C-alpha atoms as a PDB file:
ATOM      1  CA  UNK A   1      16.539  -7.986   9.926  1.00  0.00           C
ATOM      2  CA  UNK A   2      13.034  -9.315   9.317  1.00  0.00           C
ATOM      3  CA  UNK A   3      11.324  -7.508   6.450  1.00  0.00           C
ATOM      4  CA  UNK A   4       8.001  -5.778   7.159  1.00  0.00           C
ATOM      5  CA  UNK A   5       5.322  -4.816   4.633  1.00  0.00           C
ATOM      6  CA  UNK A   6       2.530  -2.283   4.190  1.00  0.00           C
ATOM      7  CA  UNK A   7       0.589  -0.844   1.257  1.00  0.00           C
ATOM      8  CA  UNK A   8      -0.605   2.659   0.347  1.00  0.00           C
ATOM      9  CA  UNK A   9      -3.424   3.608  -2.020  1.00  0.00           C
ATOM     10  CA  UNK A  10      -4.115   7.048  -3.455  1.00  0.00           C
ATOM     11  CA  UNK A  11      -7.732   7.865  -4.332  1.00  0.00           C
ATOM     12  CA  UNK A  12      -9.070  11.141  -5.778  1.00  0.00           C
ATOM     13  CA  UNK A  13     -10.167  12.240  -2.276  1.00  0.00           C
ATOM     14  CA  UNK A  14      -7.963  10.301   0.171  1.00  0.00           C
ATOM     15  CA  UNK A  15      -4.841   8.313   0.895  1.00  0.00           C
ATOM     16  CA  UNK A  16      -5.046   4.960   2.718  1.00  0.00           C
ATOM     17  CA  UNK A  17      -2.100   3.195   4.361  1.00  0.00           C
ATOM     18  CA  UNK A  18      -2.563  -0.291   5.810  1.00  0.00           C
ATOM     19  CA  UNK A  19      -0.493  -3.097   7.231  1.00  0.00           C
ATOM     20  CA  UNK A  20      -0.114  -6.621   5.905  1.00  0.00           C
ATOM     21  CA  UNK A  21      -0.152 -10.094   7.436  1.00  0.00           C
ATOM     22  CA  UNK A  22       2.236 -12.725   6.076  1.00  0.00           C
ATOM     23  CA  UNK A  23       0.975 -16.325   5.993  1.00  0.00           C
ATOM     24  CA  UNK A  24       2.101 -19.534   4.313  1.00  0.00           C
ATOM     25  CA  UNK A  25      -0.410 -18.581   1.592  1.00  0.00           C
ATOM     26  CA  UNK A  26       0.894 -15.049   0.903  1.00  0.00           C
ATOM     27  CA  UNK A  27       0.407 -11.481   2.109  1.00  0.00           C
ATOM     28  CA  UNK A  28      -3.019 -10.196   3.157  1.00  0.00           C
ATOM     29  CA  UNK A  29      -4.241  -6.688   4.028  1.00  0.00           C
ATOM     30  CA  UNK A  30      -4.904  -6.069   7.702  1.00  0.00           C
ATOM     31  CA  UNK A  31      -5.513  -3.287  10.203  1.00  0.00           C
ATOM     32  CA  UNK A  32      -4.800  -0.558  10.798  1.00  0.00           C
ATOM     33  CA  UNK A  33      -6.449   0.999   7.736  1.00  0.00           C
ATOM     34  CA  UNK A  34      -5.440   4.644   8.108  1.00  0.00           C
ATOM     35  CA  UNK A  35      -7.363   7.203   6.070  1.00  0.00           C
ATOM     36  CA  UNK A  36      -5.719  10.559   5.358  1.00  0.00           C
ATOM     37  CA  UNK A  37      -6.844  13.604   3.404  1.00  0.00           C
ATOM     38  CA  UNK A  38      -4.898  14.116   0.175  1.00  0.00           C
ATOM     39  CA  UNK A  39      -3.436  17.393   1.440  1.00  0.00           C
ATOM     40  CA  UNK A  40      -1.982  15.827   4.604  1.00  0.00           C
ATOM     41  CA  UNK A  41       1.592  16.699   5.553  1.00  0.00           C
ATOM     42  CA  UNK A  42       4.467  14.388   4.564  1.00  0.00           C
ATOM     43  CA  UNK A  43       5.236  14.030   8.290  1.00  0.00           C
ATOM     44  CA  UNK A  44       1.757  12.614   8.965  1.00  0.00           C
ATOM     45  CA  UNK A  45       2.135  10.250   6.002  1.00  0.00           C
ATOM     46  CA  UNK A  46       5.428   9.022   7.502  1.00  0.00           C
ATOM     47  CA  UNK A  47       3.760   8.474  10.878  1.00  0.00           C
ATOM     48  CA  UNK A  48       1.095   6.285   9.238  1.00  0.00           C
ATOM     49  CA  UNK A  49       3.727   4.352   7.279  1.00  0.00           C
ATOM     50  CA  UNK A  50       5.633   3.681  10.497  1.00  0.00           C
ATOM     51  CA  UNK A  51       2.587   2.502  12.439  1.00  0.00           C
ATOM     52  CA  UNK A  52       1.478   0.271   9.546  1.00  0.00           C
ATOM     53  CA  UNK A  53       4.918  -1.322   9.317  1.00  0.00           C
ATOM     54  CA  UNK A  54       4.958  -1.778  13.102  1.00  0.00           C
ATOM     55  CA  UNK A  55       1.606  -3.625  12.831  1.00  0.00           C
ATOM     56  CA  UNK A  56       2.989  -6.128  10.269  1.00  0.00           C
ATOM     57  CA  UNK A  57       2.660  -9.683  11.528  1.00  0.00           C
ATOM     58  CA  UNK A  58       3.235 -13.269  10.530  1.00  0.00           C
ATOM     59  CA  UNK A  59       0.721 -16.017  11.175  1.00  0.00           C
ATOM     60  CA  UNK A  60       0.596 -19.629  10.147  1.00  0.00           C
ATOM     61  CA  UNK A  61      -3.073 -19.930   9.204  1.00  0.00           C
ATOM     62  CA  UNK A  62      -4.771 -18.218   6.315  1.00  0.00           C
ATOM     63  CA  UNK A  63      -7.307 -15.589   7.417  1.00  0.00           C
ATOM     64  CA  UNK A  64     -11.004 -16.311   6.841  1.00  0.00           C
ATOM     65  CA  UNK A  65     -11.566 -15.191   3.237  1.00  0.00           C
ATOM     66  CA  UNK A  66     -15.060 -13.746   3.771  1.00  0.00           C
ATOM     67  CA  UNK A  67     -14.040 -11.766   6.862  1.00  0.00           C
ATOM     68  CA  UNK A  68     -10.818 -10.646   5.188  1.00  0.00           C
ATOM     69  CA  UNK A  69     -12.656  -9.331   2.116  1.00  0.00           C
ATOM     70  CA  UNK A  70     -15.257  -7.516   4.219  1.00  0.00           C
ATOM     71  CA  UNK A  71     -12.596  -5.914   6.427  1.00  0.00           C
ATOM     72  CA  UNK A  72     -10.469  -4.917   3.431  1.00  0.00           C
ATOM     73  CA  UNK A  73     -13.289  -3.282   1.474  1.00  0.00           C
ATOM     74  CA  UNK A  74     -14.565  -1.441   4.577  1.00  0.00           C
ATOM     75  CA  UNK A  75     -11.051  -0.282   5.438  1.00  0.00           C
ATOM     76  CA  UNK A  76     -10.520   0.991   1.910  1.00  0.00           C
ATOM     77  CA  UNK A  77     -13.884   2.749   1.816  1.00  0.00           C
ATOM     78  CA  UNK A  78     -15.066   0.931  -1.316  1.00  0.00           C
ATOM     79  CA  UNK A  79     -17.884  -1.516  -2.053  1.00  0.00           C
ATOM     80  CA  UNK A  80     -15.924  -3.819  -4.373  1.00  0.00           C
ATOM     81  CA  UNK A  81     -12.494  -4.639  -5.746  1.00  0.00           C
ATOM     82  CA  UNK A  82     -13.677  -3.248  -9.074  1.00  0.00           C
ATOM     83  CA  UNK A  83     -14.418   0.121  -7.455  1.00  0.00           C
ATOM     84  CA  UNK A  84     -10.949   0.067  -5.886  1.00  0.00           C
ATOM     85  CA  UNK A  85      -9.336  -0.679  -9.262  1.00  0.00           C
ATOM     86  CA  UNK A  86     -11.268   2.073 -11.050  1.00  0.00           C
ATOM     87  CA  UNK A  87     -10.433   4.781  -8.511  1.00  0.00           C
ATOM     88  CA  UNK A  88      -6.993   4.178  -6.984  1.00  0.00           C
ATOM     89  CA  UNK A  89      -3.290   3.758  -7.586  1.00  0.00           C
ATOM     90  CA  UNK A  90      -1.103   1.665  -5.299  1.00  0.00           C
ATOM     91  CA  UNK A  91       2.420   1.651  -3.840  1.00  0.00           C
ATOM     92  CA  UNK A  92       3.929  -1.317  -2.024  1.00  0.00           C
ATOM     93  CA  UNK A  93       6.022  -0.443   1.030  1.00  0.00           C
ATOM     94  CA  UNK A  94       8.672  -2.618   2.651  1.00  0.00           C
ATOM     95  CA  UNK A  95      11.174  -2.167   5.423  1.00  0.00           C
ATOM     96  CA  UNK A  96      14.397  -4.108   5.750  1.00  0.00           C
ATOM     97  CA  UNK A  97      17.710  -2.300   6.177  1.00  0.00           C
ATOM     98  CA  UNK A  98      15.925   0.699   4.618  1.00  0.00           C
ATOM     99  CA  UNK A  99      12.501   1.676   3.327  1.00  0.00           C
ATOM    100  CA  UNK A 100      11.422   0.778  -0.209  1.00  0.00           C
ATOM    101  CA  UNK A 101       8.441   2.155  -2.113  1.00  0.00           C
ATOM    102  CA  UNK A 102       7.343   0.195  -5.191  1.00  0.00           C
ATOM    103  CA  UNK A 103       5.040   2.013  -7.637  1.00  0.00           C
ATOM    104  CA  UNK A 104       2.600  -0.242  -9.495  1.00  0.00           C
ATOM    105  CA  UNK A 105       0.579  -0.328 -12.688  1.00  0.00           C
ATOM    106  CA  UNK A 106      -3.182  -0.507 -12.229  1.00  0.00           C
ATOM    107  CA  UNK A 107      -4.143  -3.020 -14.906  1.00  0.00           C
ATOM    108  CA  UNK A 108      -7.878  -2.619 -14.394  1.00  0.00           C
ATOM    109  CA  UNK A 109     -10.516  -5.179 -13.535  1.00  0.00           C
ATOM    110  CA  UNK A 110     -10.191  -7.721 -16.357  1.00  0.00           C
ATOM    111  CA  UNK A 111      -7.596  -9.509 -18.442  1.00  0.00           C
ATOM    112  CA  UNK A 112      -4.193 -11.015 -17.801  1.00  0.00           C
ATOM    113  CA  UNK A 113      -2.739  -7.776 -16.380  1.00  0.00           C
ATOM    114  CA  UNK A 114      -5.647  -6.909 -14.074  1.00  0.00           C
ATOM    115  CA  UNK A 115      -4.951  -5.637 -10.582  1.00  0.00           C
ATOM    116  CA  UNK A 116      -1.950  -3.776  -9.251  1.00  0.00           C
ATOM    117  CA  UNK A 117       1.251  -5.142 -10.788  1.00  0.00           C
ATOM    118  CA  UNK A 118       4.933  -4.175 -10.509  1.00  0.00           C
ATOM    119  CA  UNK A 119       6.131  -1.926 -13.331  1.00  0.00           C
ATOM    120  CA  UNK A 120       8.797  -3.819 -15.327  1.00  0.00           C
ATOM    121  CA  UNK A 121      12.185  -2.093 -15.241  1.00  0.00           C
ATOM    122  CA  UNK A 122      11.227   0.378 -12.515  1.00  0.00           C
ATOM    123  CA  UNK A 123      13.265  -0.016  -9.350  1.00  0.00           C
ATOM    124  CA  UNK A 124      11.649   0.764  -5.982  1.00  0.00           C
ATOM    125  CA  UNK A 125      12.406   4.174  -4.500  1.00  0.00           C
ATOM    126  CA  UNK A 126      14.648   3.823  -1.447  1.00  0.00           C
ATOM    127  CA  UNK A 127      15.203   5.937   1.637  1.00  0.00           C
ATOM    128  CA  UNK A 128      16.998   5.360   4.917  1.00  0.00           C
ATOM    129  CA  UNK A 129      14.951   4.328   7.942  1.00  0.00           C
ATOM    130  CA  UNK A 130      16.653   7.216   9.755  1.00  0.00           C
ATOM    131  CA  UNK A 131      15.444   9.808   7.233  1.00  0.00           C
ATOM    132  CA  UNK A 132      13.395  12.731   8.445  1.00  0.00           C
ATOM    133  CA  UNK A 133       9.634  12.058   8.421  1.00  0.00           C
ATOM    134  CA  UNK A 134       9.106  14.780   5.805  1.00  0.00           C
ATOM    135  CA  UNK A 135      11.488  12.956   3.447  1.00  0.00           C
ATOM    136  CA  UNK A 136       9.820   9.574   4.008  1.00  0.00           C
ATOM    137  CA  UNK A 137       6.378  11.018   3.274  1.00  0.00           C
ATOM    138  CA  UNK A 138       7.711  12.856   0.213  1.00  0.00           C
ATOM    139  CA  UNK A 139       9.175   9.620  -1.186  1.00  0.00           C
ATOM    140  CA  UNK A 140       5.765   7.930  -0.974  1.00  0.00           C
ATOM    141  CA  UNK A 141       4.206  10.862  -2.832  1.00  0.00           C
ATOM    142  CA  UNK A 142       6.979  10.612  -5.474  1.00  0.00           C
ATOM    143  CA  UNK A 143       6.258   6.858  -5.802  1.00  0.00           C
ATOM    144  CA  UNK A 144       2.575   7.629  -6.430  1.00  0.00           C
ATOM    145  CA  UNK A 145       3.639  10.002  -9.234  1.00  0.00           C
ATOM    146  CA  UNK A 146       5.380   7.062 -10.948  1.00  0.00           C
ATOM    147  CA  UNK A 147       2.326   4.774 -10.847  1.00  0.00           C
ATOM    148  CA  UNK A 148       0.484   4.084 -14.086  1.00  0.00           C
ATOM    149  CA  UNK A 149      -3.107   3.062 -14.759  1.00  0.00           C
ATOM    150  CA  UNK A 150      -5.328   1.919 -17.569  1.00  0.00           C
ATOM    151  CA  UNK A 151      -7.776   4.512 -16.240  1.00  0.00           C
ATOM    152  CA  UNK A 152      -5.410   7.507 -16.572  1.00  0.00           C
END
């Protein structure tokens, strides 16, 4: 089964789930950028995860960097990557035989550990693709609770 990818970000006032595009140069954020209120139901979170994974695509060419950056920042509702780093935590989502949610460490905007990085020794949270939507959404929320940040 071909693996699909998406990403979720939790801000103080919102949750964003978006799809990814795989190229020969790596993974890049792409539409849909789905904005949810923080008090949204786990079922609605699961619906957004599913539609973001369904939108995952592979393309040979690298997207235009300027257009990609503009689309990403607009979709996230921020003016810069620095603003994103200062205000959000991030969970990577993948789908193969099951769903995996990988909490990350927000290393801030400078230094060798800047950006969102995997947390050493922490295994992704896993759930069956056939799980109830409420369980899928709850696992993402649990993954957010395991994220760490230099800003916390």
